[in-house]
């Protein structure tokens, strides 16, 4: 298992001097380097984009956020084996313990997506 620490702008951690780097792939801004194999990473971005389009999540999560997370999670559990966790939102931070090479954090427009397996 790997311990992952992420601090978003809303949590402002002044002790952290390291600047986060992002790379744009498949239309998403991905926290780089990604801790996930390329095939799973591509699936994460493409499936999330598909679900966001289906639930019309563009600039705000609205009332469909929980359903969108559930749809992505079920896809990942079925495709890549259980137990995946999906969080979407704006300006959030996290501490997550996850399996090695099974963590991704990216943006589709202004909406952040965190997917990890634990």
N, C-alpha and C. Protein backbone atom coordinates (compact mmCIF):
# COMPACT_ATOMS: atom_id res chain seq x y z
N UNK A 1 0.83 -1.18 0.00
CA UNK A 1 0.00 0.00 0.00
C UNK A 1 0.87 1.25 0.00
N UNK A 2 0.34 2.32 -0.56
CA UNK A 2 1.05 3.58 -0.68
C UNK A 2 0.23 4.66 0.01
N UNK A 3 0.89 5.54 0.72
CA UNK A 3 0.22 6.66 1.37
C UNK A 3 0.32 7.87 0.45
N UNK A 4 -0.80 8.49 0.13
CA UNK A 4 -0.79 9.63 -0.78
C UNK A 4 -1.40 10.84 -0.10
N UNK A 5 -0.75 11.97 -0.19
CA UNK A 5 -1.20 13.22 0.41
C UNK A 5 -1.44 14.23 -0.70
N UNK A 6 -2.63 14.82 -0.70
CA UNK A 6 -2.98 15.82 -1.70
C UNK A 6 -3.59 17.00 -0.97
N UNK A 7 -3.16 18.19 -1.23
CA UNK A 7 -3.75 19.37 -0.61
C UNK A 7 -4.23 20.29 -1.71
N UNK A 8 -5.51 20.58 -1.70
CA UNK A 8 -6.10 21.49 -2.68
C UNK A 8 -6.02 22.92 -2.20
N UNK A 9 -6.35 23.89 -3.03
CA UNK A 9 -6.27 25.29 -2.68
C UNK A 9 -7.09 25.67 -1.46
N UNK A 10 -8.20 24.99 -1.23
CA UNK A 10 -9.05 25.34 -0.10
C UNK A 10 -8.40 25.00 1.23
N UNK A 11 -7.44 24.09 1.21
CA UNK A 11 -6.82 23.67 2.45
C UNK A 11 -5.48 24.36 2.69
N UNK A 12 -4.98 25.09 1.73
CA UNK A 12 -3.76 25.87 1.81
C UNK A 12 -2.72 25.42 2.82
N UNK A 13 -1.82 24.59 2.44
CA UNK A 13 -0.75 24.10 3.31
C UNK A 13 0.51 24.89 3.01
N UNK A 14 0.80 25.90 3.84
CA UNK A 14 1.94 26.78 3.59
C UNK A 14 3.28 26.09 3.78
N UNK A 15 3.29 24.93 4.46
CA UNK A 15 4.56 24.23 4.67
C UNK A 15 4.99 23.44 3.44
N UNK A 16 4.12 23.36 2.47
CA UNK A 16 4.42 22.59 1.26
C UNK A 16 4.96 23.53 0.19
N UNK A 17 6.27 23.44 -0.09
CA UNK A 17 6.90 24.31 -1.07
C UNK A 17 6.89 23.74 -2.48
N UNK A 18 6.63 22.48 -2.62
CA UNK A 18 6.66 21.80 -3.90
C UNK A 18 5.45 22.20 -4.73
N UNK A 19 5.70 22.56 -5.99
CA UNK A 19 4.61 22.95 -6.89
C UNK A 19 4.12 21.72 -7.64
N UNK A 20 2.80 21.58 -7.67
CA UNK A 20 2.22 20.45 -8.38
C UNK A 20 2.34 20.67 -9.88
N UNK A 21 2.62 19.60 -10.62
CA UNK A 21 2.72 19.67 -12.07
C UNK A 21 1.58 18.86 -12.69
N UNK A 22 1.06 19.37 -13.80
CA UNK A 22 -0.03 18.71 -14.51
C UNK A 22 0.35 18.51 -15.97
N UNK A 23 -0.23 17.46 -16.56
CA UNK A 23 -0.03 17.17 -17.97
C UNK A 23 -1.42 16.96 -18.59
N UNK A 24 -1.66 17.50 -19.76
CA UNK A 24 -2.96 17.36 -20.43
C UNK A 24 -2.92 16.15 -21.37
N UNK A 25 -3.81 15.20 -21.10
CA UNK A 25 -3.97 14.00 -21.93
C UNK A 25 -5.45 13.68 -22.05
N UNK A 26 -5.91 13.31 -23.21
CA UNK A 26 -7.29 12.92 -23.47
C UNK A 26 -8.28 13.99 -22.99
N UNK A 27 -7.87 15.25 -23.03
CA UNK A 27 -8.74 16.35 -22.64
C UNK A 27 -8.81 16.63 -21.15
N UNK A 28 -8.03 15.94 -20.35
CA UNK A 28 -8.03 16.15 -18.89
C UNK A 28 -6.67 16.67 -18.44
N UNK A 29 -6.67 17.46 -17.39
CA UNK A 29 -5.44 17.97 -16.78
C UNK A 29 -5.08 17.03 -15.63
N UNK A 30 -4.03 16.22 -15.81
CA UNK A 30 -3.68 15.13 -14.89
C UNK A 30 -2.50 15.52 -14.01
N UNK A 31 -2.65 15.29 -12.68
CA UNK A 31 -1.54 15.50 -11.76
C UNK A 31 -0.42 14.55 -12.17
N UNK A 32 0.77 15.13 -12.40
CA UNK A 32 1.87 14.36 -12.98
C UNK A 32 3.08 14.35 -12.08
N UNK A 33 3.77 13.21 -11.95
CA UNK A 33 3.55 11.95 -12.66
C UNK A 33 2.37 11.19 -12.07
N UNK A 34 1.65 10.52 -12.92
CA UNK A 34 0.51 9.72 -12.49
C UNK A 34 1.01 8.42 -11.88
N UNK A 35 0.33 7.95 -10.85
CA UNK A 35 0.71 6.69 -10.21
C UNK A 35 -0.26 5.59 -10.66
N UNK A 36 -0.26 5.36 -11.98
CA UNK A 36 -1.20 4.41 -12.57
C UNK A 36 -0.68 4.03 -13.96
N UNK A 37 -0.80 2.76 -14.35
CA UNK A 37 -0.40 2.37 -15.70
C UNK A 37 -1.20 3.14 -16.75
N UNK A 38 -0.58 3.35 -17.90
CA UNK A 38 -1.20 4.16 -18.96
C UNK A 38 -2.57 3.66 -19.40
N UNK A 39 -2.76 2.33 -19.49
CA UNK A 39 -4.05 1.82 -19.96
C UNK A 39 -5.18 2.11 -18.96
N UNK A 40 -4.89 2.03 -17.67
CA UNK A 40 -5.91 2.33 -16.65
C UNK A 40 -6.12 3.84 -16.58
N UNK A 41 -5.05 4.59 -16.71
CA UNK A 41 -5.13 6.05 -16.71
C UNK A 41 -6.03 6.54 -17.85
N UNK A 42 -5.80 6.02 -19.04
CA UNK A 42 -6.62 6.41 -20.19
C UNK A 42 -8.08 6.03 -19.96
N UNK A 43 -8.32 4.85 -19.42
CA UNK A 43 -9.69 4.42 -19.13
C UNK A 43 -10.34 5.35 -18.10
N UNK A 44 -9.58 5.77 -17.08
CA UNK A 44 -10.12 6.66 -16.04
C UNK A 44 -10.60 7.98 -16.65
N UNK A 45 -9.77 8.57 -17.48
CA UNK A 45 -10.12 9.86 -18.09
C UNK A 45 -11.29 9.70 -19.06
N UNK A 46 -11.22 8.71 -19.93
CA UNK A 46 -12.27 8.54 -20.94
C UNK A 46 -13.61 8.15 -20.31
N UNK A 47 -13.60 7.26 -19.32
CA UNK A 47 -14.85 6.86 -18.68
C UNK A 47 -15.43 8.03 -17.89
N UNK A 48 -14.60 8.78 -17.17
CA UNK A 48 -15.08 9.93 -16.41
C UNK A 48 -15.68 10.97 -17.34
N UNK A 49 -15.01 11.23 -18.46
CA UNK A 49 -15.53 12.19 -19.44
C UNK A 49 -16.88 11.73 -19.98
N UNK A 50 -16.99 10.46 -20.29
CA UNK A 50 -18.25 9.89 -20.78
C UNK A 50 -19.37 10.05 -19.74
N UNK A 51 -19.07 9.74 -18.49
CA UNK A 51 -20.07 9.84 -17.43
C UNK A 51 -20.45 11.30 -17.17
N UNK A 52 -19.46 12.20 -17.18
CA UNK A 52 -19.75 13.62 -16.99
C UNK A 52 -20.69 14.13 -18.10
N UNK A 53 -20.45 13.68 -19.32
CA UNK A 53 -21.32 14.07 -20.44
C UNK A 53 -22.72 13.51 -20.24
N UNK A 54 -22.80 12.26 -19.86
CA UNK A 54 -24.10 11.62 -19.64
C UNK A 54 -24.92 12.34 -18.56
N UNK A 55 -24.26 12.72 -17.46
CA UNK A 55 -24.97 13.38 -16.36
C UNK A 55 -24.93 14.91 -16.45
N UNK A 56 -24.41 15.41 -17.56
CA UNK A 56 -24.34 16.85 -17.82
C UNK A 56 -23.60 17.60 -16.72
N UNK A 57 -22.47 17.03 -16.30
CA UNK A 57 -21.60 17.67 -15.31
C UNK A 57 -20.56 18.45 -16.10
N UNK A 58 -20.70 19.78 -16.11
CA UNK A 58 -19.81 20.61 -16.90
C UNK A 58 -19.02 21.56 -16.01
N UNK A 59 -19.73 22.43 -15.29
CA UNK A 59 -19.05 23.39 -14.40
C UNK A 59 -19.44 23.19 -12.95
N UNK A 60 -20.51 22.42 -12.70
CA UNK A 60 -20.98 22.19 -11.35
C UNK A 60 -21.42 20.73 -11.23
N UNK A 61 -21.23 20.15 -10.07
CA UNK A 61 -21.56 18.74 -9.88
C UNK A 61 -23.07 18.53 -9.76
N UNK A 62 -23.74 19.45 -9.08
CA UNK A 62 -25.18 19.37 -8.94
C UNK A 62 -25.63 18.12 -8.21
N UNK A 63 -26.86 17.73 -8.45
CA UNK A 63 -27.46 16.60 -7.73
C UNK A 63 -27.05 15.24 -8.31
N UNK A 64 -26.35 15.23 -9.42
CA UNK A 64 -25.98 13.97 -10.09
C UNK A 64 -24.59 13.46 -9.71
N UNK A 65 -23.89 14.17 -8.85
CA UNK A 65 -22.51 13.80 -8.51
C UNK A 65 -22.37 12.40 -7.94
N UNK A 66 -23.23 12.04 -6.99
CA UNK A 66 -23.15 10.71 -6.38
C UNK A 66 -23.40 9.61 -7.42
N UNK A 67 -24.36 9.84 -8.31
CA UNK A 67 -24.65 8.85 -9.36
C UNK A 67 -23.46 8.71 -10.32
N UNK A 68 -22.82 9.84 -10.64
CA UNK A 68 -21.65 9.80 -11.53
C UNK A 68 -20.52 9.01 -10.89
N UNK A 69 -20.25 9.28 -9.59
CA UNK A 69 -19.20 8.53 -8.88
C UNK A 69 -19.50 7.04 -8.87
N UNK A 70 -20.75 6.70 -8.59
CA UNK A 70 -21.14 5.30 -8.54
C UNK A 70 -20.95 4.62 -9.90
N UNK A 71 -21.30 5.31 -10.99
CA UNK A 71 -21.15 4.74 -12.33
C UNK A 71 -19.67 4.48 -12.64
N UNK A 72 -18.80 5.44 -12.31
CA UNK A 72 -17.36 5.27 -12.56
C UNK A 72 -16.81 4.14 -11.71
N UNK A 73 -17.19 4.11 -10.43
CA UNK A 73 -16.71 3.07 -9.51
C UNK A 73 -17.12 1.67 -10.00
N UNK A 74 -18.38 1.51 -10.38
CA UNK A 74 -18.85 0.20 -10.85
C UNK A 74 -18.09 -0.24 -12.10
N UNK A 75 -17.81 0.71 -13.00
CA UNK A 75 -17.03 0.39 -14.19
C UNK A 75 -15.64 -0.09 -13.80
N UNK A 76 -15.00 0.63 -12.88
CA UNK A 76 -13.64 0.25 -12.47
C UNK A 76 -13.62 -1.09 -11.74
N UNK A 77 -14.58 -1.33 -10.86
CA UNK A 77 -14.63 -2.61 -10.16
C UNK A 77 -14.81 -3.76 -11.15
N UNK A 78 -15.67 -3.57 -12.15
CA UNK A 78 -15.93 -4.62 -13.13
C UNK A 78 -14.75 -4.82 -14.08
N UNK A 79 -14.09 -3.73 -14.46
CA UNK A 79 -13.02 -3.79 -15.45
C UNK A 79 -11.66 -4.13 -14.84
N UNK A 80 -11.35 -3.54 -13.69
CA UNK A 80 -10.02 -3.65 -13.10
C UNK A 80 -10.00 -4.35 -11.75
N UNK A 81 -11.11 -4.97 -11.36
CA UNK A 81 -11.20 -5.69 -10.08
C UNK A 81 -11.54 -4.73 -8.95
N UNK A 82 -12.17 -5.25 -7.89
CA UNK A 82 -12.57 -4.38 -6.78
C UNK A 82 -11.34 -3.95 -5.97
N UNK A 83 -11.36 -3.02 -5.28
CA UNK A 83 -12.21 -2.10 -4.57
C UNK A 83 -11.75 -0.69 -4.85
N UNK A 84 -12.37 -0.06 -5.85
CA UNK A 84 -12.02 1.29 -6.27
C UNK A 84 -12.85 2.32 -5.52
N UNK A 85 -12.29 3.51 -5.37
CA UNK A 85 -12.96 4.63 -4.71
C UNK A 85 -12.90 5.82 -5.65
N UNK A 86 -14.00 6.55 -5.78
CA UNK A 86 -14.08 7.68 -6.70
C UNK A 86 -14.61 8.89 -5.95
N UNK A 87 -13.92 10.01 -6.08
CA UNK A 87 -14.35 11.27 -5.50
C UNK A 87 -14.32 12.32 -6.58
N UNK A 88 -15.38 13.12 -6.68
CA UNK A 88 -15.36 14.26 -7.59
C UNK A 88 -15.74 15.50 -6.79
N UNK A 89 -15.22 16.65 -7.19
CA UNK A 89 -15.54 17.88 -6.47
C UNK A 89 -14.68 19.03 -6.94
N UNK A 90 -14.67 20.07 -6.11
CA UNK A 90 -13.86 21.26 -6.37
C UNK A 90 -13.09 21.61 -5.11
N UNK A 91 -11.81 21.93 -5.26
CA UNK A 91 -11.00 22.42 -4.15
C UNK A 91 -11.03 21.53 -2.92
N UNK A 92 -10.71 20.26 -3.09
CA UNK A 92 -10.65 19.37 -1.94
C UNK A 92 -9.24 18.82 -1.76
N UNK A 93 -8.92 18.44 -0.55
CA UNK A 93 -7.65 17.81 -0.25
C UNK A 93 -7.93 16.41 0.27
N UNK A 94 -6.90 15.58 0.32
CA UNK A 94 -7.11 14.23 0.82
C UNK A 94 -5.83 13.62 1.35
N UNK A 95 -6.01 12.60 2.12
CA UNK A 95 -4.96 11.68 2.53
C UNK A 95 -5.52 10.32 2.17
N UNK A 96 -4.85 9.58 1.31
CA UNK A 96 -5.39 8.29 0.88
C UNK A 96 -4.30 7.22 0.90
N UNK A 97 -4.64 6.08 1.44
CA UNK A 97 -3.77 4.92 1.38
C UNK A 97 -4.32 4.05 0.25
N UNK A 98 -3.46 3.71 -0.72
CA UNK A 98 -3.94 2.99 -1.89
C UNK A 98 -2.92 1.96 -2.33
N UNK A 99 -3.37 1.05 -3.17
CA UNK A 99 -2.45 0.07 -3.74
C UNK A 99 -1.45 0.78 -4.63
N UNK A 100 -0.26 0.21 -4.70
CA UNK A 100 0.79 0.77 -5.54
C UNK A 100 0.32 0.84 -6.99
N UNK A 101 0.58 1.97 -7.63
CA UNK A 101 0.22 2.21 -9.03
C UNK A 101 -1.28 2.19 -9.28
N UNK A 102 -2.05 2.62 -8.30
CA UNK A 102 -3.52 2.63 -8.44
C UNK A 102 -4.11 3.93 -7.87
N UNK A 103 -3.53 5.07 -8.27
CA UNK A 103 -4.02 6.38 -7.84
C UNK A 103 -3.92 7.37 -8.98
N UNK A 104 -5.00 8.15 -9.17
CA UNK A 104 -4.99 9.20 -10.18
C UNK A 104 -5.82 10.38 -9.69
N UNK A 105 -5.34 11.57 -9.99
CA UNK A 105 -6.05 12.81 -9.66
C UNK A 105 -5.97 13.69 -10.89
N UNK A 106 -7.14 14.13 -11.39
CA UNK A 106 -7.14 14.93 -12.60
C UNK A 106 -8.36 15.85 -12.62
N UNK A 107 -8.33 16.79 -13.56
CA UNK A 107 -9.43 17.73 -13.75
C UNK A 107 -10.03 17.53 -15.13
N UNK A 108 -11.36 17.56 -15.17
CA UNK A 108 -12.10 17.68 -16.42
C UNK A 108 -12.80 19.03 -16.29
N UNK A 109 -12.28 20.01 -16.99
CA UNK A 109 -12.75 21.38 -16.78
C UNK A 109 -12.44 21.79 -15.35
N UNK A 110 -13.41 22.37 -14.63
CA UNK A 110 -13.15 22.80 -13.25
C UNK A 110 -13.41 21.71 -12.21
N UNK A 111 -13.82 20.52 -12.65
CA UNK A 111 -14.18 19.45 -11.73
C UNK A 111 -12.99 18.50 -11.53
N UNK A 112 -12.61 18.30 -10.26
CA UNK A 112 -11.51 17.40 -9.92
C UNK A 112 -12.05 15.98 -9.76
N UNK A 113 -11.25 15.00 -10.17
CA UNK A 113 -11.60 13.60 -10.07
C UNK A 113 -10.43 12.88 -9.40
N UNK A 114 -10.73 12.11 -8.35
CA UNK A 114 -9.72 11.29 -7.70
C UNK A 114 -10.23 9.86 -7.72
N UNK A 115 -9.41 8.96 -8.26
CA UNK A 115 -9.77 7.55 -8.33
C UNK A 115 -8.59 6.76 -7.78
N UNK A 116 -8.88 5.86 -6.83
CA UNK A 116 -7.81 5.02 -6.29
C UNK A 116 -8.37 3.67 -5.85
N UNK A 117 -7.47 2.70 -5.75
CA UNK A 117 -7.86 1.34 -5.34
C UNK A 117 -7.22 1.06 -3.99
N UNK A 118 -8.04 0.56 -3.08
CA UNK A 118 -7.53 0.23 -1.73
C UNK A 118 -8.07 -1.11 -1.28
